[in-house]
Amino acid sequence: SPLPCLSLQEVGPTMVGDEHSDPSLMSFLGATKRNMLGNHFWEYYVNDAPRIVLNKLESCGYRVVSMTGVGQTLVWCLHKE
């Protein structure tokens, strides 16, 4: 299943999921669930830099499929077979 992973900065925090993400994977990443003021949804984030998150996800079998930049936000799309 695809897993979007995005970051607001190259050093962190890294957004790693939404309210429907796998709780066990979010726990493995050490993610915290939060609701930002004004948003009507929850998100998971970690304070780690994206490279640390990507390394952890690789150890679980995820592979980067694509990456792009949107403004100052970096977005990675990963897939696990």
PDB file of N, CA and C in Angstrom:
ATOM      1  N   SER A   1       0.834  -1.187   0.000  1.00  0.00           N
ATOM      2  CA  SER A   1       0.000   0.000   0.000  1.00  0.00           C
ATOM      3  C   SER A   1       0.872   1.241   0.000  1.00  0.00           C
ATOM      4  N   PRO A   2       0.495   2.280  -0.739  1.00  0.00           N
ATOM      5  CA  PRO A   2       1.305   3.497  -0.801  1.00  0.00           C
ATOM      6  C   PRO A   2       1.282   4.248   0.520  1.00  0.00           C
ATOM      7  N   LEU A   3       2.367   4.908   0.811  1.00  0.00           N
ATOM      8  CA  LEU A   3       2.468   5.704   2.030  1.00  0.00           C
ATOM      9  C   LEU A   3       3.081   7.047   1.680  1.00  0.00           C
ATOM     10  N   PRO A   4       2.307   8.126   1.727  1.00  0.00           N
ATOM     11  CA  PRO A   4       2.910   9.437   1.458  1.00  0.00           C
ATOM     12  C   PRO A   4       3.727   9.878   2.664  1.00  0.00           C
ATOM     13  N   CYS A   5       4.823  10.511   2.397  1.00  0.00           N
ATOM     14  CA  CYS A   5       5.691  11.005   3.467  1.00  0.00           C
ATOM     15  C   CYS A   5       6.129  12.398   3.063  1.00  0.00           C
ATOM     16  N   LEU A   6       5.759  13.402   3.816  1.00  0.00           N
ATOM     17  CA  LEU A   6       6.150  14.735   3.432  1.00  0.00           C
ATOM     18  C   LEU A   6       6.827  15.477   4.562  1.00  0.00           C
ATOM     19  N   SER A   7       7.556  16.504   4.181  1.00  0.00           N
ATOM     20  CA  SER A   7       8.321  17.263   5.155  1.00  0.00           C
ATOM     21  C   SER A   7       8.200  18.749   4.861  1.00  0.00           C
ATOM     22  N   LEU A   8       8.092  19.562   5.908  1.00  0.00           N
ATOM     23  CA  LEU A   8       8.070  21.001   5.718  1.00  0.00           C
ATOM     24  C   LEU A   8       9.472  21.575   5.646  1.00  0.00           C
ATOM     25  N   GLN A   9      10.451  20.867   6.168  1.00  0.00           N
ATOM     26  CA  GLN A   9      11.835  21.321   6.145  1.00  0.00           C
ATOM     27  C   GLN A   9      12.728  20.108   5.966  1.00  0.00           C
ATOM     28  N   GLU A  10      13.925  20.324   5.467  1.00  0.00           N
ATOM     29  CA  GLU A  10      14.844  19.212   5.273  1.00  0.00           C
ATOM     30  C   GLU A  10      15.351  18.645   6.591  1.00  0.00           C
ATOM     31  N   VAL A  11      15.206  19.376   7.682  1.00  0.00           N
ATOM     32  CA  VAL A  11      15.715  18.921   8.970  1.00  0.00           C
ATOM     33  C   VAL A  11      14.617  18.399   9.883  1.00  0.00           C
ATOM     34  N   GLY A  12      13.376  18.527   9.501  1.00  0.00           N
ATOM     35  CA  GLY A  12      12.261  18.097  10.322  1.00  0.00           C
ATOM     36  C   GLY A  12      11.447  19.286  10.777  1.00  0.00           C
ATOM     37  N   PRO A  13      10.236  19.122  11.248  1.00  0.00           N
ATOM     38  CA  PRO A  13       9.577  17.830  11.454  1.00  0.00           C
ATOM     39  C   PRO A  13       9.191  17.194  10.120  1.00  0.00           C
ATOM     40  N   THR A  14       8.920  15.912  10.175  1.00  0.00           N
ATOM     41  CA  THR A  14       8.500  15.171   8.999  1.00  0.00           C
ATOM     42  C   THR A  14       7.095  14.642   9.241  1.00  0.00           C
ATOM     43  N   MET A  15       6.164  15.014   8.383  1.00  0.00           N
ATOM     44  CA  MET A  15       4.816  14.479   8.460  1.00  0.00           C
ATOM     45  C   MET A  15       4.845  13.095   7.837  1.00  0.00           C
ATOM     46  N   VAL A  16       4.339  12.098   8.556  1.00  0.00           N
ATOM     47  CA  VAL A  16       4.469  10.717   8.103  1.00  0.00           C
ATOM     48  C   VAL A  16       3.140  10.001   7.889  1.00  0.00           C
ATOM     49  N   GLY A  17       2.027  10.653   8.185  1.00  0.00           N
ATOM     50  CA  GLY A  17       0.758   9.969   7.984  1.00  0.00           C
ATOM     51  C   GLY A  17      -0.424  10.836   8.343  1.00  0.00           C
ATOM     52  N   ASP A  18      -1.605  10.288   8.064  1.00  0.00           N
ATOM     53  CA  ASP A  18      -2.833  10.980   8.418  1.00  0.00           C
ATOM     54  C   ASP A  18      -3.612  10.133   9.422  1.00  0.00           C
ATOM     55  N   GLU A  19      -4.817  10.559   9.730  1.00  0.00           N
ATOM     56  CA  GLU A  19      -5.602   9.881  10.767  1.00  0.00           C
ATOM     57  C   GLU A  19      -5.949   8.434  10.414  1.00  0.00           C
ATOM     58  N   HIS A  20      -5.800   8.049   9.147  1.00  0.00           N
ATOM     59  CA  HIS A  20      -6.128   6.691   8.719  1.00  0.00           C
ATOM     60  C   HIS A  20      -4.887   5.807   8.580  1.00  0.00           C
ATOM     61  N   SER A  21      -3.722   6.306   8.954  1.00  0.00           N
ATOM     62  CA  SER A  21      -2.475   5.550   8.819  1.00  0.00           C
ATOM     63  C   SER A  21      -2.419   4.386   9.798  1.00  0.00           C
ATOM     64  N   ASP A  22      -1.619   3.387   9.447  1.00  0.00           N
ATOM     65  CA  ASP A  22      -1.436   2.185  10.260  1.00  0.00           C
ATOM     66  C   ASP A  22      -0.826   2.561  11.616  1.00  0.00           C
ATOM     67  N   PRO A  23      -1.562   2.371  12.719  1.00  0.00           N
ATOM     68  CA  PRO A  23      -1.050   2.763  14.040  1.00  0.00           C
ATOM     69  C   PRO A  23       0.251   2.061  14.417  1.00  0.00           C
ATOM     70  N   SER A  24       0.420   0.805  14.012  1.00  0.00           N
ATOM     71  CA  SER A  24       1.660   0.103  14.372  1.00  0.00           C
ATOM     72  C   SER A  24       2.859   0.685  13.620  1.00  0.00           C
ATOM     73  N   LEU A  25       2.667   1.092  12.369  1.00  0.00           N
ATOM     74  CA  LEU A  25       3.752   1.721  11.619  1.00  0.00           C
ATOM     75  C   LEU A  25       4.069   3.091  12.209  1.00  0.00           C
ATOM     76  N   MET A  26       3.035   3.835  12.584  1.00  0.00           N
ATOM     77  CA  MET A  26       3.258   5.153  13.185  1.00  0.00           C
ATOM     78  C   MET A  26       4.015   5.011  14.507  1.00  0.00           C
ATOM     79  N   SER A  27       3.708   3.973  15.266  1.00  0.00           N
ATOM     80  CA  SER A  27       4.414   3.704  16.520  1.00  0.00           C
ATOM     81  C   SER A  27       5.871   3.356  16.248  1.00  0.00           C
ATOM     82  N   PHE A  28       6.121   2.532  15.231  1.00  0.00           N
ATOM     83  CA  PHE A  28       7.491   2.163  14.854  1.00  0.00           C
ATOM     84  C   PHE A  28       8.316   3.407  14.505  1.00  0.00           C
ATOM     85  N   LEU A  29       7.682   4.362  13.828  1.00  0.00           N
ATOM     86  CA  LEU A  29       8.382   5.590  13.443  1.00  0.00           C
ATOM     87  C   LEU A  29       8.528   6.566  14.606  1.00  0.00           C
ATOM     88  N   GLY A  30       7.821   6.290  15.715  1.00  0.00           N
ATOM     89  CA  GLY A  30       7.862   7.190  16.862  1.00  0.00           C
ATOM     90  C   GLY A  30       7.031   8.442  16.624  1.00  0.00           C
ATOM     91  N   ALA A  31       5.985   8.308  15.813  1.00  0.00           N
ATOM     92  CA  ALA A  31       5.174   9.453  15.416  1.00  0.00           C
ATOM     93  C   ALA A  31       4.169   9.855  16.485  1.00  0.00           C
ATOM     94  N   THR A  32       3.872  11.137  16.509  1.00  0.00           N
ATOM     95  CA  THR A  32       2.880  11.715  17.396  1.00  0.00           C
ATOM     96  C   THR A  32       1.709  12.212  16.553  1.00  0.00           C
ATOM     97  N   LYS A  33       0.494  11.975  17.029  1.00  0.00           N
ATOM     98  CA  LYS A  33      -0.702  12.408  16.316  1.00  0.00           C
ATOM     99  C   LYS A  33      -1.094  13.794  16.813  1.00  0.00           C
ATOM    100  N   ARG A  34      -1.372  14.706  15.857  1.00  0.00           N
ATOM    101  CA  ARG A  34      -1.752  16.061  16.259  1.00  0.00           C
ATOM    102  C   ARG A  34      -2.784  16.629  15.295  1.00  0.00           C
ATOM    103  N   ASN A  35      -3.475  17.653  15.780  1.00  0.00           N
ATOM    104  CA  ASN A  35      -4.431  18.400  14.974  1.00  0.00           C
ATOM    105  C   ASN A  35      -4.005  19.856  15.028  1.00  0.00           C
ATOM    106  N   MET A  36      -3.585  20.394  13.893  1.00  0.00           N
ATOM    107  CA  MET A  36      -3.151  21.789  13.836  1.00  0.00           C
ATOM    108  C   MET A  36      -4.367  22.705  13.853  1.00  0.00           C
ATOM    109  N   LEU A  37      -4.260  23.820  14.535  1.00  0.00           N
ATOM    110  CA  LEU A  37      -5.349  24.784  14.640  1.00  0.00           C
ATOM    111  C   LEU A  37      -5.839  25.181  13.246  1.00  0.00           C
ATOM    112  N   GLY A  38      -7.135  25.066  13.039  1.00  0.00           N
ATOM    113  CA  GLY A  38      -7.726  25.432  11.761  1.00  0.00           C
ATOM    114  C   GLY A  38      -7.903  24.269  10.803  1.00  0.00           C
ATOM    115  N   ASN A  39      -7.225  23.148  11.069  1.00  0.00           N
ATOM    116  CA  ASN A  39      -7.375  21.965  10.218  1.00  0.00           C
ATOM    117  C   ASN A  39      -8.490  21.075  10.752  1.00  0.00           C
ATOM    118  N   HIS A  40      -9.197  20.439   9.851  1.00  0.00           N
ATOM    119  CA  HIS A  40     -10.276  19.529  10.242  1.00  0.00           C
ATOM    120  C   HIS A  40      -9.835  18.077  10.104  1.00  0.00           C
ATOM    121  N   PHE A  41      -8.545  17.835  10.254  1.00  0.00           N
ATOM    122  CA  PHE A  41      -7.996  16.486  10.142  1.00  0.00           C
ATOM    123  C   PHE A  41      -6.814  16.346  11.091  1.00  0.00           C
ATOM    124  N   TRP A  42      -6.450  15.111  11.351  1.00  0.00           N
ATOM    125  CA  TRP A  42      -5.301  14.796  12.206  1.00  0.00           C
ATOM    126  C   TRP A  42      -4.149  14.346  11.337  1.00  0.00           C
ATOM    127  N   GLU A  43      -2.925  14.533  11.823  1.00  0.00           N
ATOM    128  CA  GLU A  43      -1.734  14.084  11.104  1.00  0.00           C
ATOM    129  C   GLU A  43      -0.733  13.518  12.093  1.00  0.00           C
ATOM    130  N   TYR A  44       0.109  12.620  11.595  1.00  0.00           N
ATOM    131  CA  TYR A  44       1.209  12.078  12.391  1.00  0.00           C
ATOM    132  C   TYR A  44       2.498  12.757  11.946  1.00  0.00           C
ATOM    133  N   TYR A  45       3.342  13.087  12.905  1.00  0.00           N
ATOM    134  CA  TYR A  45       4.634  13.686  12.575  1.00  0.00           C
ATOM    135  C   TYR A  45       5.707  13.162  13.514  1.00  0.00           C
ATOM    136  N   VAL A  46       6.956  13.284  13.075  1.00  0.00           N
ATOM    137  CA  VAL A  46       8.117  13.003  13.915  1.00  0.00           C
ATOM    138  C   VAL A  46       9.057  14.195  13.813  1.00  0.00           C
ATOM    139  N   ASN A  47       9.905  14.365  14.786  1.00  0.00           N
ATOM    140  CA  ASN A  47      10.872  15.461  14.740  1.00  0.00           C
ATOM    141  C   ASN A  47      12.123  15.099  13.952  1.00  0.00           C
ATOM    142  N   ASP A  48      12.221  13.837  13.503  1.00  0.00           N
ATOM    143  CA  ASP A  48      13.379  13.390  12.732  1.00  0.00           C
ATOM    144  C   ASP A  48      13.402  14.024  11.347  1.00  0.00           C
ATOM    145  N   ALA A  49      14.596  14.133  10.795  1.00  0.00           N
ATOM    146  CA  ALA A  49      14.757  14.580   9.411  1.00  0.00           C
ATOM    147  C   ALA A  49      14.217  13.504   8.470  1.00  0.00           C
ATOM    148  N   PRO A  50      13.789  13.889   7.273  1.00  0.00           N
ATOM    149  CA  PRO A  50      13.251  12.912   6.325  1.00  0.00           C
ATOM    150  C   PRO A  50      14.188  11.736   6.050  1.00  0.00           C
ATOM    151  N   ARG A  51      15.503  11.967   5.965  1.00  0.00           N
ATOM    152  CA  ARG A  51      16.427  10.858   5.659  1.00  0.00           C
ATOM    153  C   ARG A  51      16.369   9.773   6.729  1.00  0.00           C
ATOM    154  N   ILE A  52      16.154  10.154   7.983  1.00  0.00           N
ATOM    155  CA  ILE A  52      16.055   9.171   9.065  1.00  0.00           C
ATOM    156  C   ILE A  52      14.761   8.378   8.919  1.00  0.00           C
ATOM    157  N   VAL A  53      13.666   9.077   8.613  1.00  0.00           N
ATOM    158  CA  VAL A  53      12.369   8.413   8.412  1.00  0.00           C
ATOM    159  C   VAL A  53      12.446   7.468   7.218  1.00  0.00           C
ATOM    160  N   LEU A  54      13.052   7.929   6.123  1.00  0.00           N
ATOM    161  CA  LEU A  54      13.162   7.095   4.923  1.00  0.00           C
ATOM    162  C   LEU A  54      14.006   5.851   5.197  1.00  0.00           C
ATOM    163  N   ASN A  55      15.057   5.980   5.977  1.00  0.00           N
ATOM    164  CA  ASN A  55      15.881   4.820   6.339  1.00  0.00           C
ATOM    165  C   ASN A  55      15.078   3.812   7.165  1.00  0.00           C
ATOM    166  N   LYS A  56      14.283   4.312   8.122  1.00  0.00           N
ATOM    167  CA  LYS A  56      13.445   3.416   8.927  1.00  0.00           C
ATOM    168  C   LYS A  56      12.431   2.692   8.055  1.00  0.00           C
ATOM    169  N   LEU A  57      11.797   3.433   7.124  1.00  0.00           N
ATOM    170  CA  LEU A  57      10.796   2.821   6.243  1.00  0.00           C
ATOM    171  C   LEU A  57      11.437   1.798   5.310  1.00  0.00           C
ATOM    172  N   GLU A  58      12.662   2.067   4.859  1.00  0.00           N
ATOM    173  CA  GLU A  58      13.369   1.105   4.010  1.00  0.00           C
ATOM    174  C   GLU A  58      13.611  -0.196   4.769  1.00  0.00           C
ATOM    175  N   SER A  59      13.907  -0.088   6.054  1.00  0.00           N
ATOM    176  CA  SER A  59      14.151  -1.300   6.851  1.00  0.00           C
ATOM    177  C   SER A  59      12.883  -2.140   6.997  1.00  0.00           C
ATOM    178  N   CYS A  60      11.714  -1.530   6.755  1.00  0.00           N
ATOM    179  CA  CYS A  60      10.425  -2.240   6.804  1.00  0.00           C
ATOM    180  C   CYS A  60       9.986  -2.728   5.425  1.00  0.00           C
ATOM    181  N   GLY A  61      10.794  -2.477   4.397  1.00  0.00           N
ATOM    182  CA  GLY A  61      10.438  -2.940   3.067  1.00  0.00           C
ATOM    183  C   GLY A  61       9.836  -1.898   2.147  1.00  0.00           C
ATOM    184  N   TYR A  62       9.727  -0.649   2.593  1.00  0.00           N
ATOM    185  CA  TYR A  62       9.203   0.409   1.728  1.00  0.00           C
ATOM    186  C   TYR A  62      10.301   0.908   0.806  1.00  0.00           C
ATOM    187  N   ARG A  63       9.911   1.295  -0.405  1.00  0.00           N
ATOM    188  CA  ARG A  63      10.839   1.842  -1.388  1.00  0.00           C
ATOM    189  C   ARG A  63      10.269   3.150  -1.930  1.00  0.00           C
ATOM    190  N   VAL A  64      11.142   4.123  -2.185  1.00  0.00           N
ATOM    191  CA  VAL A  64      10.711   5.393  -2.757  1.00  0.00           C
ATOM    192  C   VAL A  64      10.315   5.160  -4.209  1.00  0.00           C
ATOM    193  N   VAL A  65       9.113   5.615  -4.554  1.00  0.00           N
ATOM    194  CA  VAL A  65       8.609   5.505  -5.921  1.00  0.00           C
ATOM    195  C   VAL A  65       8.814   6.833  -6.651  1.00  0.00           C
ATOM    196  N   SER A  66       8.566   7.936  -5.955  1.00  0.00           N
ATOM    197  CA  SER A  66       8.751   9.251  -6.565  1.00  0.00           C
ATOM    198  C   SER A  66       8.968  10.291  -5.479  1.00  0.00           C
ATOM    199  N   MET A  67       9.475  11.443  -5.904  1.00  0.00           N
ATOM    200  CA  MET A  67       9.707  12.557  -4.980  1.00  0.00           C
ATOM    201  C   MET A  67       9.522  13.842  -5.759  1.00  0.00           C
ATOM    202  N   THR A  68       8.958  14.843  -5.131  1.00  0.00           N
ATOM    203  CA  THR A  68       8.786  16.142  -5.775  1.00  0.00           C
ATOM    204  C   THR A  68       8.826  17.239  -4.723  1.00  0.00           C
ATOM    205  N   GLY A  69       8.984  18.449  -5.172  1.00  0.00           N
ATOM    206  CA  GLY A  69       8.933  19.598  -4.293  1.00  0.00           C
ATOM    207  C   GLY A  69       7.710  20.437  -4.617  1.00  0.00           C
ATOM    208  N   VAL A  70       7.020  20.892  -3.587  1.00  0.00           N
ATOM    209  CA  VAL A  70       5.861  21.770  -3.747  1.00  0.00           C
ATOM    210  C   VAL A  70       6.125  22.980  -2.860  1.00  0.00           C
ATOM    211  N   GLY A  71       6.554  24.073  -3.445  1.00  0.00           N
ATOM    212  CA  GLY A  71       6.971  25.221  -2.643  1.00  0.00           C
ATOM    213  C   GLY A  71       8.189  24.813  -1.821  1.00  0.00           C
ATOM    214  N   GLN A  72       8.099  24.985  -0.503  1.00  0.00           N
ATOM    215  CA  GLN A  72       9.194  24.565   0.368  1.00  0.00           C
ATOM    216  C   GLN A  72       8.909  23.210   1.004  1.00  0.00           C
ATOM    217  N   THR A  73       7.877  22.524   0.518  1.00  0.00           N
ATOM    218  CA  THR A  73       7.529  21.205   1.028  1.00  0.00           C
ATOM    219  C   THR A  73       8.070  20.141   0.092  1.00  0.00           C
ATOM    220  N   LEU A  74       8.689  19.110   0.659  1.00  0.00           N
ATOM    221  CA  LEU A  74       9.165  17.969  -0.113  1.00  0.00           C
ATOM    222  C   LEU A  74       8.214  16.807   0.121  1.00  0.00           C
ATOM    223  N   VAL A  75       7.859  16.093  -0.947  1.00  0.00           N
ATOM    224  CA  VAL A  75       6.901  14.998  -0.853  1.00  0.00           C
ATOM    225  C   VAL A  75       7.516  13.747  -1.455  1.00  0.00           C
ATOM    226  N   TRP A  76       7.504  12.657  -0.667  1.00  0.00           N
ATOM    227  CA  TRP A  76       7.965  11.354  -1.151  1.00  0.00           C
ATOM    228  C   TRP A  76       6.780  10.412  -1.203  1.00  0.00           C
ATOM    229  N   CYS A  77       6.716   9.600  -2.243  1.00  0.00           N
ATOM    230  CA  CYS A  77       5.704   8.551  -2.323  1.00  0.00           C
ATOM    231  C   CYS A  77       6.449   7.230  -2.228  1.00  0.00           C
ATOM    232  N   LEU A  78       6.034   6.378  -1.289  1.00  0.00           N
ATOM    233  CA  LEU A  78       6.681   5.101  -1.075  1.00  0.00           C
ATOM    234  C   LEU A  78       5.702   3.961  -1.319  1.00  0.00           C
ATOM    235  N   HIS A  79       6.241   2.787  -1.570  1.00  0.00           N
ATOM    236  CA  HIS A  79       5.403   1.598  -1.805  1.00  0.00           C
ATOM    237  C   HIS A  79       6.053   0.396  -1.124  1.00  0.00           C
ATOM    238  N   LYS A  80       5.210  -0.457  -0.581  1.00  0.00           N
ATOM    239  CA  LYS A  80       5.677  -1.708   0.015  1.00  0.00           C
ATOM    240  C   LYS A  80       4.939  -2.853  -0.663  1.00  0.00           C
ATOM    241  N   GLU A  81       5.707  -3.799  -1.197  1.00  0.00           N
ATOM    242  CA  GLU A  81       5.074  -4.938  -1.880  1.00  0.00           C
ATOM    243  C   GLU A  81       4.633  -5.991  -0.918  1.00  0.00           C
TER     244      GLU A  81
END
